[in-house]
Amino acid sequence: DEVILLPIYPAREEPIAGITSEALLAKISITCKKVMSPDEA
């Protein structure tokens, strides 16, 4: 019913261009959604 996305946890990896939590958020179909830092969440 509601999604809060945190930034991607990289573990052993380096960032990949265009692959972000914001990119995932844009594909989620529900309206109640947002990207936040852990403290903001």
PDB file of all heavy atoms in Angstrom:
ATOM      1  N   ASP A   1       0.823  -1.212   0.000  1.00  0.00           N
ATOM      2  CA  ASP A   1       0.000   0.000   0.000  1.00  0.00           C
ATOM      3  C   ASP A   1       0.856   1.261   0.000  1.00  0.00           C
ATOM      4  O   ASP A   1       0.437   2.305  -0.505  1.00  0.00           O
ATOM      5  CB  ASP A   1      -0.925  -0.001   1.224  1.00  0.00           C
ATOM      6  CG  ASP A   1      -1.887  -1.178   1.212  1.00  0.00           C
ATOM      7  OD1 ASP A   1      -2.671  -1.289   0.255  1.00  0.00           O
ATOM      8  OD2 ASP A   1      -1.826  -1.998   2.144  1.00  0.00           O
ATOM      9  N   GLU A   2       2.049   1.142   0.565  1.00  0.00           N
ATOM     10  CA  GLU A   2       2.988   2.271   0.592  1.00  0.00           C
ATOM     11  C   GLU A   2       4.406   1.713   0.546  1.00  0.00           C
ATOM     12  O   GLU A   2       4.700   0.702   1.187  1.00  0.00           O
ATOM     13  CB  GLU A   2       2.799   3.105   1.858  1.00  0.00           C
ATOM     14  CG  GLU A   2       3.747   4.299   1.952  1.00  0.00           C
ATOM     15  CD  GLU A   2       3.542   5.127   3.216  1.00  0.00           C
ATOM     16  OE1 GLU A   2       2.893   4.618   4.168  1.00  0.00           O
ATOM     17  OE2 GLU A   2       4.042   6.264   3.259  1.00  0.00           O
ATOM     18  N   VAL A   3       5.265   2.380  -0.218  1.00  0.00           N
ATOM     19  CA  VAL A   3       6.655   1.947  -0.357  1.00  0.00           C
ATOM     20  C   VAL A   3       7.589   3.103  -0.037  1.00  0.00           C
ATOM     21  O   VAL A   3       7.416   4.219  -0.552  1.00  0.00           O
ATOM     22  CB  VAL A   3       6.953   1.454  -1.793  1.00  0.00           C
ATOM     23  CG1 VAL A   3       8.441   1.117  -1.935  1.00  0.00           C
ATOM     24  CG2 VAL A   3       6.114   0.244  -2.134  1.00  0.00           C
ATOM     25  N   ILE A   4       8.558   2.833   0.812  1.00  0.00           N
ATOM     26  CA  ILE A   4       9.660   3.755   1.054  1.00  0.00           C
ATOM     27  C   ILE A   4      10.935   3.041   0.621  1.00  0.00           C
ATOM     28  O   ILE A   4      11.256   1.968   1.141  1.00  0.00           O
ATOM     29  CB  ILE A   4       9.757   4.155   2.532  1.00  0.00           C
ATOM     30  CG1 ILE A   4       8.465   4.851   2.988  1.00  0.00           C
ATOM     31  CG2 ILE A   4      10.971   5.057   2.770  1.00  0.00           C
ATOM     32  CD1 ILE A   4       8.377   5.045   4.494  1.00  0.00           C
ATOM     33  N   LEU A   5      11.639   3.601  -0.344  1.00  0.00           N
ATOM     34  CA  LEU A   5      12.892   3.018  -0.812  1.00  0.00           C
ATOM     35  C   LEU A   5      14.072   3.736  -0.170  1.00  0.00           C
ATOM     36  O   LEU A   5      14.115   4.964  -0.138  1.00  0.00           O
ATOM     37  CB  LEU A   5      13.015   3.129  -2.336  1.00  0.00           C
ATOM     38  CG  LEU A   5      12.006   2.363  -3.193  1.00  0.00           C
ATOM     39  CD1 LEU A   5      12.323   2.578  -4.671  1.00  0.00           C
ATOM     40  CD2 LEU A   5      12.007   0.882  -2.855  1.00  0.00           C
ATOM     41  N   LEU A   6      15.012   2.969   0.337  1.00  0.00           N
ATOM     42  CA  LEU A   6      16.286   3.513   0.783  1.00  0.00           C
ATOM     43  C   LEU A   6      17.273   3.432  -0.374  1.00  0.00           C
ATOM     44  O   LEU A   6      17.062   2.689  -1.332  1.00  0.00           O
ATOM     45  CB  LEU A   6      16.809   2.714   1.980  1.00  0.00           C
ATOM     46  CG  LEU A   6      15.891   2.587   3.199  1.00  0.00           C
ATOM     47  CD1 LEU A   6      16.627   1.882   4.333  1.00  0.00           C
ATOM     48  CD2 LEU A   6      15.350   3.929   3.652  1.00  0.00           C
ATOM     49  N   PRO A   7      18.369   4.173  -0.321  1.00  0.00           N
ATOM     50  CA  PRO A   7      19.389   4.056  -1.371  1.00  0.00           C
ATOM     51  C   PRO A   7      19.914   2.623  -1.471  1.00  0.00           C
ATOM     52  O   PRO A   7      19.903   1.873  -0.494  1.00  0.00           O
ATOM     53  CB  PRO A   7      20.484   5.023  -0.901  1.00  0.00           C
ATOM     54  CG  PRO A   7      19.763   6.017  -0.039  1.00  0.00           C
ATOM     55  CD  PRO A   7      18.686   5.240   0.655  1.00  0.00           C
ATOM     56  N   ILE A   8      20.373   2.250  -2.651  1.00  0.00           N
ATOM     57  CA  ILE A   8      20.869   0.899  -2.895  1.00  0.00           C
ATOM     58  C   ILE A   8      22.079   0.621  -1.999  1.00  0.00           C
ATOM     59  O   ILE A   8      22.994   1.450  -1.898  1.00  0.00           O
ATOM     60  CB  ILE A   8      21.251   0.706  -4.369  1.00  0.00           C
ATOM     61  CG1 ILE A   8      20.006   0.831  -5.250  1.00  0.00           C
ATOM     62  CG2 ILE A   8      21.930  -0.650  -4.600  1.00  0.00           C
ATOM     63  CD1 ILE A   8      20.297   0.842  -6.743  1.00  0.00           C
ATOM     64  N   TYR A   9      22.071  -0.550  -1.365  1.00  0.00           N
ATOM     65  CA  TYR A   9      23.224  -0.971  -0.560  1.00  0.00           C
ATOM     66  C   TYR A   9      24.243  -1.616  -1.491  1.00  0.00           C
ATOM     67  O   TYR A   9      23.966  -2.640  -2.119  1.00  0.00           O
ATOM     68  CB  TYR A   9      22.782  -1.967   0.512  1.00  0.00           C
ATOM     69  CG  TYR A   9      23.886  -2.391   1.443  1.00  0.00           C
ATOM     70  CD1 TYR A   9      24.291  -1.559   2.483  1.00  0.00           C
ATOM     71  CD2 TYR A   9      24.528  -3.615   1.288  1.00  0.00           C
ATOM     72  CE1 TYR A   9      25.310  -1.925   3.355  1.00  0.00           C
ATOM     73  CE2 TYR A   9      25.549  -3.994   2.149  1.00  0.00           C
ATOM     74  CZ  TYR A   9      25.934  -3.152   3.179  1.00  0.00           C
ATOM     75  OH  TYR A   9      26.945  -3.526   4.034  1.00  0.00           O
ATOM     76  N   PRO A  10      25.456  -1.058  -1.603  1.00  0.00           N
ATOM     77  CA  PRO A  10      26.380  -1.519  -2.641  1.00  0.00           C
ATOM     78  C   PRO A  10      27.124  -2.798  -2.311  1.00  0.00           C
ATOM     79  O   PRO A  10      27.545  -3.520  -3.213  1.00  0.00           O
ATOM     80  CB  PRO A  10      27.360  -0.352  -2.776  1.00  0.00           C
ATOM     81  CG  PRO A  10      27.362   0.282  -1.425  1.00  0.00           C
ATOM     82  CD  PRO A  10      25.957   0.134  -0.894  1.00  0.00           C
ATOM     83  N   ALA A  11      27.323  -3.085  -1.015  1.00  0.00           N
ATOM     84  CA  ALA A  11      28.152  -4.226  -0.594  1.00  0.00           C
ATOM     85  C   ALA A  11      29.499  -4.157  -1.305  1.00  0.00           C
ATOM     86  O   ALA A  11      30.231  -3.192  -1.161  1.00  0.00           O
ATOM     87  CB  ALA A  11      27.429  -5.547  -0.839  1.00  0.00           C
ATOM     88  N   ARG A  12      29.773  -5.148  -2.152  1.00  0.00           N
ATOM     89  CA  ARG A  12      31.091  -5.251  -2.800  1.00  0.00           C
ATOM     90  C   ARG A  12      31.168  -4.494  -4.108  1.00  0.00           C
ATOM     91  O   ARG A  12      32.200  -4.533  -4.779  1.00  0.00           O
ATOM     92  CB  ARG A  12      31.376  -6.736  -3.065  1.00  0.00           C
ATOM     93  CG  ARG A  12      30.323  -7.392  -3.937  1.00  0.00           C
ATOM     94  CD  ARG A  12      30.459  -8.902  -4.010  1.00  0.00           C
ATOM     95  NE  ARG A  12      29.430  -9.510  -4.838  1.00  0.00           N
ATOM     96  CZ  ARG A  12      28.249  -9.895  -4.395  1.00  0.00           C
ATOM     97  NH1 ARG A  12      27.943  -9.716  -3.117  1.00  0.00           N
ATOM     98  NH2 ARG A  12      27.364 -10.458  -5.195  1.00  0.00           N
ATOM     99  N   GLU A  13      30.093  -3.799  -4.539  1.00  0.00           N
ATOM    100  CA  GLU A  13      30.001  -3.285  -5.903  1.00  0.00           C
ATOM    101  C   GLU A  13      30.218  -1.779  -5.995  1.00  0.00           C
ATOM    102  O   GLU A  13      30.004  -1.030  -5.033  1.00  0.00           O
ATOM    103  CB  GLU A  13      28.630  -3.624  -6.496  1.00  0.00           C
ATOM    104  CG  GLU A  13      28.396  -5.113  -6.667  1.00  0.00           C
ATOM    105  CD  GLU A  13      27.077  -5.409  -7.355  1.00  0.00           C
ATOM    106  OE1 GLU A  13      26.176  -4.535  -7.360  1.00  0.00           O
ATOM    107  OE2 GLU A  13      26.937  -6.515  -7.899  1.00  0.00           O
ATOM    108  N   GLU A  14      30.596  -1.363  -7.185  1.00  0.00           N
ATOM    109  CA  GLU A  14      30.650   0.050  -7.549  1.00  0.00           C
ATOM    110  C   GLU A  14      29.316   0.432  -8.208  1.00  0.00           C
ATOM    111  O   GLU A  14      28.627  -0.429  -8.778  1.00  0.00           O
ATOM    112  CB  GLU A  14      31.802   0.320  -8.526  1.00  0.00           C
ATOM    113  CG  GLU A  14      33.181   0.061  -7.942  1.00  0.00           C
ATOM    114  CD  GLU A  14      33.498   0.983  -6.778  1.00  0.00           C
ATOM    115  OE1 GLU A  14      33.074   2.160  -6.814  1.00  0.00           O
ATOM    116  OE2 GLU A  14      34.159   0.521  -5.826  1.00  0.00           O
ATOM    117  N   PRO A  15      28.933   1.721  -8.142  1.00  0.00           N
ATOM    118  CA  PRO A  15      27.665   2.138  -8.762  1.00  0.00           C
ATOM    119  C   PRO A  15      27.618   1.846 -10.258  1.00  0.00           C
ATOM    120  O   PRO A  15      28.653   1.788 -10.932  1.00  0.00           O
ATOM    121  CB  PRO A  15      27.637   3.652  -8.496  1.00  0.00           C
ATOM    122  CG  PRO A  15      28.516   3.841  -7.295  1.00  0.00           C
ATOM    123  CD  PRO A  15      29.594   2.816  -7.415  1.00  0.00           C
ATOM    124  N   ILE A  16      26.401   1.653 -10.751  1.00  0.00           N
ATOM    125  CA  ILE A  16      26.149   1.455 -12.183  1.00  0.00           C
ATOM    126  C   ILE A  16      25.297   2.626 -12.661  1.00  0.00           C
ATOM    127  O   ILE A  16      24.264   2.948 -12.055  1.00  0.00           O
ATOM    128  CB  ILE A  16      25.417   0.128 -12.447  1.00  0.00           C
ATOM    129  CG1 ILE A  16      26.283  -1.060 -12.006  1.00  0.00           C
ATOM    130  CG2 ILE A  16      25.053  -0.015 -13.927  1.00  0.00           C
ATOM    131  CD1 ILE A  16      25.581  -2.404 -12.096  1.00  0.00           C
ATOM    132  N   ALA A  17      25.709   3.280 -13.731  1.00  0.00           N
ATOM    133  CA  ALA A  17      25.001   4.457 -14.236  1.00  0.00           C
ATOM    134  C   ALA A  17      23.534   4.128 -14.495  1.00  0.00           C
ATOM    135  O   ALA A  17      23.206   3.130 -15.154  1.00  0.00           O
ATOM    136  CB  ALA A  17      25.667   4.953 -15.524  1.00  0.00           C
ATOM    137  N   GLY A  18      22.661   4.966 -13.968  1.00  0.00           N
ATOM    138  CA  GLY A  18      21.231   4.815 -14.210  1.00  0.00           C
ATOM    139  C   GLY A  18      20.523   3.835 -13.300  1.00  0.00           C
ATOM    140  O   GLY A  18      19.297   3.726 -13.335  1.00  0.00           O
ATOM    141  N   ILE A  19      21.267   3.098 -12.477  1.00  0.00           N
ATOM    142  CA  ILE A  19      20.654   2.121 -11.571  1.00  0.00           C
ATOM    143  C   ILE A  19      20.642   2.726 -10.170  1.00  0.00           C
ATOM    144  O   ILE A  19      21.656   2.744  -9.460  1.00  0.00           O
ATOM    145  CB  ILE A  19      21.419   0.786 -11.585  1.00  0.00           C
ATOM    146  CG1 ILE A  19      21.495   0.240 -13.008  1.00  0.00           C
ATOM    147  CG2 ILE A  19      20.746  -0.215 -10.656  1.00  0.00           C
ATOM    148  CD1 ILE A  19      20.141   0.011 -13.670  1.00  0.00           C
ATOM    149  N   THR A  20      19.495   3.252  -9.796  1.00  0.00           N
ATOM    150  CA  THR A  20      19.319   3.927  -8.520  1.00  0.00           C
ATOM    151  C   THR A  20      17.961   3.563  -7.941  1.00  0.00           C
ATOM    152  O   THR A  20      17.098   3.005  -8.626  1.00  0.00           O
ATOM    153  CB  THR A  20      19.377   5.455  -8.699  1.00  0.00           C
ATOM    154  OG1 THR A  20      18.279   5.845  -9.559  1.00  0.00           O
ATOM    155  CG2 THR A  20      20.697   5.900  -9.329  1.00  0.00           C
ATOM    156  N   SER A  21      17.767   3.912  -6.699  1.00  0.00           N
ATOM    157  CA  SER A  21      16.453   3.717  -6.091  1.00  0.00           C
ATOM    158  C   SER A  21      15.411   4.599  -6.765  1.00  0.00           C
ATOM    159  O   SER A  21      14.229   4.232  -6.857  1.00  0.00           O
ATOM    160  CB  SER A  21      16.517   4.009  -4.593  1.00  0.00           C
ATOM    161  OG  SER A  21      17.248   2.988  -3.936  1.00  0.00           O
ATOM    162  N   GLU A  22      15.830   5.762  -7.254  1.00  0.00           N
ATOM    163  CA  GLU A  22      14.899   6.638  -7.975  1.00  0.00           C
ATOM    164  C   GLU A  22      14.413   5.979  -9.268  1.00  0.00           C
ATOM    165  O   GLU A  22      13.240   6.109  -9.641  1.00  0.00           O
ATOM    166  CB  GLU A  22      15.568   7.972  -8.291  1.00  0.00           C
ATOM    167  CG  GLU A  22      15.746   8.895  -7.087  1.00  0.00           C
ATOM    168  CD  GLU A  22      16.906   8.491  -6.169  1.00  0.00           C
ATOM    169  OE1 GLU A  22      17.676   7.584  -6.533  1.00  0.00           O
ATOM    170  OE2 GLU A  22      17.028   9.088  -5.081  1.00  0.00           O
ATOM    171  N   ALA A  23      15.310   5.256  -9.949  1.00  0.00           N
ATOM    172  CA  ALA A  23      14.916   4.549 -11.175  1.00  0.00           C
ATOM    173  C   ALA A  23      13.920   3.438 -10.858  1.00  0.00           C
ATOM    174  O   ALA A  23      12.961   3.207 -11.619  1.00  0.00           O
ATOM    175  CB  ALA A  23      16.143   3.967 -11.857  1.00  0.00           C
ATOM    176  N   LEU A  24      14.132   2.745  -9.745  1.00  0.00           N
ATOM    177  CA  LEU A  24      13.179   1.715  -9.320  1.00  0.00           C
ATOM    178  C   LEU A  24      11.853   2.343  -8.930  1.00  0.00           C
ATOM    179  O   LEU A  24      10.779   1.843  -9.305  1.00  0.00           O
ATOM    180  CB  LEU A  24      13.769   0.926  -8.148  1.00  0.00           C
ATOM    181  CG  LEU A  24      12.860  -0.111  -7.493  1.00  0.00           C
ATOM    182  CD1 LEU A  24      12.352  -1.137  -8.497  1.00  0.00           C
ATOM    183  CD2 LEU A  24      13.596  -0.813  -6.343  1.00  0.00           C
ATOM    184  N   LEU A  25      11.906   3.453  -8.221  1.00  0.00           N
ATOM    185  CA  LEU A  25      10.680   4.135  -7.786  1.00  0.00           C
ATOM    186  C   LEU A  25       9.804   4.500  -8.975  1.00  0.00           C
ATOM    187  O   LEU A  25       8.571   4.367  -8.920  1.00  0.00           O
ATOM    188  CB  LEU A  25      11.041   5.400  -6.998  1.00  0.00           C
ATOM    189  CG  LEU A  25       9.866   6.090  -6.305  1.00  0.00           C
ATOM    190  CD1 LEU A  25       9.543   5.365  -5.009  1.00  0.00           C
ATOM    191  CD2 LEU A  25      10.193   7.556  -6.020  1.00  0.00           C
ATOM    192  N   ALA A  26      10.421   4.958 -10.049  1.00  0.00           N
ATOM    193  CA  ALA A  26       9.660   5.392 -11.224  1.00  0.00           C
ATOM    194  C   ALA A  26       8.851   4.259 -11.833  1.00  0.00           C
ATOM    195  O   ALA A  26       7.816   4.497 -12.479  1.00  0.00           O
ATOM    196  CB  ALA A  26      10.612   5.974 -12.267  1.00  0.00           C
ATOM    197  N   LYS A  27       9.267   3.013 -11.628  1.00  0.00           N
ATOM    198  CA  LYS A  27       8.580   1.864 -12.202  1.00  0.00           C
ATOM    199  C   LYS A  27       7.510   1.282 -11.281  1.00  0.00           C
ATOM    200  O   LYS A  27       6.721   0.432 -11.685  1.00  0.00           O
ATOM    201  CB  LYS A  27       9.589   0.770 -12.570  1.00  0.00           C
ATOM    202  CG  LYS A  27      10.427   1.105 -13.806  1.00  0.00           C
ATOM    203  CD  LYS A  27      11.397  -0.008 -14.128  1.00  0.00           C
ATOM    204  CE  LYS A  27      12.057   0.215 -15.485  1.00  0.00           C
ATOM    205  NZ  LYS A  27      11.122  -0.062 -16.603  1.00  0.00           N
ATOM    206  N   ILE A  28       7.501   1.698 -10.018  1.00  0.00           N
ATOM    207  CA  ILE A  28       6.492   1.206  -9.069  1.00  0.00           C
ATOM    208  C   ILE A  28       5.166   1.888  -9.365  1.00  0.00           C
ATOM    209  O   ILE A  28       5.099   3.108  -9.515  1.00  0.00           O
ATOM    210  CB  ILE A  28       6.956   1.460  -7.627  1.00  0.00           C
ATOM    211  CG1 ILE A  28       8.204   0.615  -7.337  1.00  0.00           C
ATOM    212  CG2 ILE A  28       5.852   1.150  -6.632  1.00  0.00           C
ATOM    213  CD1 ILE A  28       8.846   0.911  -6.000  1.00  0.00           C
ATOM    214  N   SER A  29       4.090   1.111  -9.445  1.00  0.00           N
ATOM    215  CA  SER A  29       2.830   1.642  -9.974  1.00  0.00           C
ATOM    216  C   SER A  29       1.942   2.311  -8.930  1.00  0.00           C
ATOM    217  O   SER A  29       1.040   3.075  -9.286  1.00  0.00           O
ATOM    218  CB  SER A  29       2.049   0.509 -10.654  1.00  0.00           C
ATOM    219  OG  SER A  29       1.711  -0.507  -9.729  1.00  0.00           O
ATOM    220  N   ILE A  30       2.146   2.052  -7.654  1.00  0.00           N
ATOM    221  CA  ILE A  30       1.282   2.692  -6.660  1.00  0.00           C
ATOM    222  C   ILE A  30       1.697   4.156  -6.489  1.00  0.00           C
ATOM    223  O   ILE A  30       2.832   4.532  -6.794  1.00  0.00           O
ATOM    224  CB  ILE A  30       1.330   1.945  -5.304  1.00  0.00           C
ATOM    225  CG1 ILE A  30       2.746   1.935  -4.734  1.00  0.00           C
ATOM    226  CG2 ILE A  30       0.793   0.533  -5.452  1.00  0.00           C
ATOM    227  CD1 ILE A  30       2.829   1.341  -3.335  1.00  0.00           C
ATOM    228  N   THR A  31       0.785   4.946  -5.987  1.00  0.00           N
ATOM    229  CA  THR A  31       1.044   6.388  -5.886  1.00  0.00           C
ATOM    230  C   THR A  31       1.757   6.767  -4.595  1.00  0.00           C
ATOM    231  O   THR A  31       2.476   7.768  -4.551  1.00  0.00           O
ATOM    232  CB  THR A  31      -0.269   7.180  -5.978  1.00  0.00           C
ATOM    233  OG1 THR A  31      -1.166   6.723  -4.947  1.00  0.00           O
ATOM    234  CG2 THR A  31      -0.920   6.971  -7.340  1.00  0.00           C
ATOM    235  N   CYS A  32       1.566   5.983  -3.547  1.00  0.00           N
ATOM    236  CA  CYS A  32       2.158   6.315  -2.252  1.00  0.00           C
ATOM    237  C   CYS A  32       3.552   5.705  -2.184  1.00  0.00           C
ATOM    238  O   CYS A  32       3.741   4.569  -1.721  1.00  0.00           O
ATOM    239  CB  CYS A  32       1.275   5.804  -1.121  1.00  0.00           C
ATOM    240  SG  CYS A  32       1.621   6.604   0.459  1.00  0.00           S
ATOM    241  N   LYS A  33       4.537   6.442  -2.674  1.00  0.00           N
ATOM    242  CA  LYS A  33       5.893   5.921  -2.781  1.00  0.00           C
ATOM    243  C   LYS A  33       6.878   7.080  -2.670  1.00  0.00           C
ATOM    244  O   LYS A  33       6.581   8.205  -3.055  1.00  0.00           O
ATOM    245  CB  LYS A  33       6.088   5.201  -4.124  1.00  0.00           C
ATOM    246  CG  LYS A  33       5.800   6.096  -5.341  1.00  0.00           C
ATOM    247  CD  LYS A  33       5.977   5.352  -6.661  1.00  0.00           C
ATOM    248  CE  LYS A  33       5.704   6.289  -7.848  1.00  0.00           C
ATOM    249  NZ  LYS A  33       5.931   5.624  -9.144  1.00  0.00           N
ATOM    250  N   LYS A  34       8.073   6.771  -2.157  1.00  0.00           N
ATOM    251  CA  LYS A  34       9.087   7.822  -1.993  1.00  0.00           C
ATOM    252  C   LYS A  34      10.451   7.184  -1.754  1.00  0.00           C
ATOM    253  O   LYS A  34      10.545   6.015  -1.349  1.00  0.00           O
ATOM    254  CB  LYS A  34       8.721   8.758  -0.839  1.00  0.00           C
ATOM    255  CG  LYS A  34       8.349   8.034   0.442  1.00  0.00           C
ATOM    256  CD  LYS A  34       7.737   8.970   1.468  1.00  0.00           C
ATOM    257  CE  LYS A  34       6.370   9.449   1.081  1.00  0.00           C
ATOM    258  NZ  LYS A  34       5.327   8.388   1.084  1.00  0.00           N
ATOM    259  N   VAL A  35      11.501   7.958  -2.029  1.00  0.00           N
ATOM    260  CA  VAL A  35      12.872   7.563  -1.706  1.00  0.00           C
ATOM    261  C   VAL A  35      13.350   8.419  -0.548  1.00  0.00           C
ATOM    262  O   VAL A  35      13.186   9.646  -0.564  1.00  0.00           O
ATOM    263  CB  VAL A  35      13.820   7.732  -2.910  1.00  0.00           C
ATOM    264  CG1 VAL A  35      15.257   7.427  -2.508  1.00  0.00           C
ATOM    265  CG2 VAL A  35      13.397   6.830  -4.056  1.00  0.00           C
ATOM    266  N   MET A  36      13.937   7.784   0.455  1.00  0.00           N
ATOM    267  CA  MET A  36      14.405   8.510   1.626  1.00  0.00           C
ATOM    268  C   MET A  36      15.709   7.905   2.125  1.00  0.00           C
ATOM    269  O   MET A  36      16.003   6.730   1.854  1.00  0.00           O
ATOM    270  CB  MET A  36      13.371   8.439   2.759  1.00  0.00           C
ATOM    271  CG  MET A  36      12.083   9.170   2.497  1.00  0.00           C
ATOM    272  SD  MET A  36      10.980   9.041   3.931  1.00  0.00           S
ATOM    273  CE  MET A  36       9.781  10.319   3.526  1.00  0.00           C
ATOM    274  N   SER A  37      16.475   8.672   2.870  1.00  0.00           N
ATOM    275  CA  SER A  37      17.612   8.123   3.595  1.00  0.00           C
ATOM    276  C   SER A  37      17.073   7.341   4.791  1.00  0.00           C
ATOM    277  O   SER A  37      15.902   7.512   5.185  1.00  0.00           O
ATOM    278  CB  SER A  37      18.515   9.252   4.092  1.00  0.00           C
ATOM    279  OG  SER A  37      17.875   9.957   5.147  1.00  0.00           O
ATOM    280  N   PRO A  38      17.876   6.481   5.406  1.00  0.00           N
ATOM    281  CA  PRO A  38      17.393   5.754   6.586  1.00  0.00           C
ATOM    282  C   PRO A  38      16.879   6.676   7.689  1.00  0.00           C
ATOM    283  O   PRO A  38      15.814   6.417   8.263  1.00  0.00           O
ATOM    284  CB  PRO A  38      18.630   4.967   7.030  1.00  0.00           C
ATOM    285  CG  PRO A  38      19.393   4.738   5.765  1.00  0.00           C
ATOM    286  CD  PRO A  38      19.210   6.004   4.969  1.00  0.00           C
ATOM    287  N   ASP A  39      17.615   7.744   7.985  1.00  0.00           N
ATOM    288  CA  ASP A  39      17.171   8.658   9.042  1.00  0.00           C
ATOM    289  C   ASP A  39      15.871   9.343   8.674  1.00  0.00           C
ATOM    290  O   ASP A  39      14.980   9.517   9.524  1.00  0.00           O
ATOM    291  CB  ASP A  39      18.247   9.708   9.314  1.00  0.00           C
ATOM    292  CG  ASP A  39      19.458   9.124  10.033  1.00  0.00           C
ATOM    293  OD1 ASP A  39      19.331   8.023  10.610  1.00  0.00           O
ATOM    294  OD2 ASP A  39      20.527   9.765  10.003  1.00  0.00           O
ATOM    295  N   GLU A  40      15.730   9.744   7.411  1.00  0.00           N
ATOM    296  CA  GLU A  40      14.490  10.375   6.964  1.00  0.00           C
ATOM    297  C   GLU A  40      13.321   9.411   7.063  1.00  0.00           C
ATOM    298  O   GLU A  40      12.207   9.801   7.444  1.00  0.00           O
ATOM    299  CB  GLU A  40      14.645  10.868   5.525  1.00  0.00           C
ATOM    300  CG  GLU A  40      15.565  12.071   5.363  1.00  0.00           C
ATOM    301  CD  GLU A  40      15.875  12.371   3.912  1.00  0.00           C
ATOM    302  OE1 GLU A  40      15.696  11.468   3.040  1.00  0.00           O
ATOM    303  OE2 GLU A  40      16.308  13.503   3.624  1.00  0.00           O
ATOM    304  N   ALA A  41      13.561   8.141   6.733  1.00  0.00           N
ATOM    305  CA  ALA A  41      12.485   7.148   6.807  1.00  0.00           C
ATOM    306  C   ALA A  41      12.014   6.961   8.244  1.00  0.00           C
ATOM    307  O   ALA A  41      10.804   6.881   8.509  1.00  0.00           O
ATOM    308  CB  ALA A  41      12.965   5.825   6.229  1.00  0.00           C
TER     309      ALA A  41
END
